[in-house]
């Protein structure tokens, strides 16, 4: 999904990129493991609430390299 300049993406980790992960903040730290690969400190509580996986796993899943 691409965003135009009028859309606020400041809540995202990489506001100019393609990641859907939320920005780590004091109240939303990146301190939780990815449910797919199990790597520590990949997701914030908001990411987990939204049912996300880490960017690497998401990229691999979209490319058909990872099934779960």
Protein backbone atom coordinates (compact mmCIF):
# COMPACT_ATOMS: atom_id res chain seq x y z
CA UNK A 1 0.00 0.00 0.00
CA UNK A 2 1.33 3.40 -0.92
CA UNK A 3 0.49 6.61 0.91
CA UNK A 4 0.36 10.11 -0.43
CA UNK A 5 1.94 13.08 1.31
CA UNK A 6 -1.35 14.02 3.00
CA UNK A 7 -1.58 10.81 5.02
CA UNK A 8 -0.05 10.71 8.51
CA UNK A 9 2.22 7.68 8.88
CA UNK A 10 4.06 8.94 11.97
CA UNK A 11 2.70 6.04 14.04
CA UNK A 12 4.73 3.56 11.98
CA UNK A 13 8.30 2.43 12.59
CA UNK A 14 9.35 3.46 9.08
CA UNK A 15 6.87 6.16 8.05
CA UNK A 16 8.33 6.37 4.54
CA UNK A 17 8.58 2.63 4.00
CA UNK A 18 6.29 -0.35 3.67
CA UNK A 19 6.38 -1.72 7.22
CA UNK A 20 3.11 -1.92 9.12
CA UNK A 21 4.86 -2.22 12.48
CA UNK A 22 4.14 0.52 14.96
CA UNK A 23 6.83 2.88 16.22
CA UNK A 24 8.42 1.85 19.49
CA UNK A 25 7.72 4.37 22.23
CA UNK A 26 7.98 4.50 26.01
CA UNK A 27 4.35 3.34 26.27
CA UNK A 28 4.62 0.90 23.35
CA UNK A 29 8.11 -0.69 23.56
CA UNK A 30 9.46 -3.18 21.03
CA UNK A 31 9.83 -5.91 23.63
CA UNK A 32 7.84 -8.88 22.35
CA UNK A 33 8.87 -11.83 20.17
CA UNK A 34 7.60 -12.47 16.66
CA UNK A 35 4.95 -15.21 16.80
CA UNK A 36 6.30 -16.75 13.59
CA UNK A 37 10.08 -16.89 14.04
CA UNK A 38 10.23 -16.43 17.82
CA UNK A 39 12.96 -13.75 17.66
CA UNK A 40 12.91 -11.56 20.76
CA UNK A 41 12.18 -7.82 20.74
CA UNK A 42 10.63 -7.76 17.27
CA UNK A 43 7.14 -6.41 18.05
CA UNK A 44 5.41 -3.83 20.21
CA UNK A 45 2.28 -4.63 22.23
CA UNK A 46 0.25 -2.75 19.58
CA UNK A 47 1.77 -4.93 16.82
CA UNK A 48 0.80 -8.07 18.75
CA UNK A 49 -2.71 -6.73 19.36
CA UNK A 50 -3.07 -6.21 15.61
CA UNK A 51 -1.87 -9.78 14.91
CA UNK A 52 1.36 -8.80 13.11
CA UNK A 53 4.59 -10.68 12.64
CA UNK A 54 8.04 -9.13 12.20
CA UNK A 55 8.94 -7.47 8.89
CA UNK A 56 11.30 -10.27 7.87
CA UNK A 57 8.64 -12.93 8.35
CA UNK A 58 6.02 -10.79 6.62
CA UNK A 59 8.34 -10.27 3.64
CA UNK A 60 9.12 -13.99 3.45
CA UNK A 61 5.43 -14.91 3.70
CA UNK A 62 4.50 -12.48 0.91
CA UNK A 63 7.29 -13.88 -1.27
CA UNK A 64 6.00 -17.43 -0.70
CA UNK A 65 9.16 -18.45 1.15
CA UNK A 66 7.48 -19.03 4.49
CA UNK A 67 4.34 -20.94 5.34
CA UNK A 68 2.73 -21.31 8.70
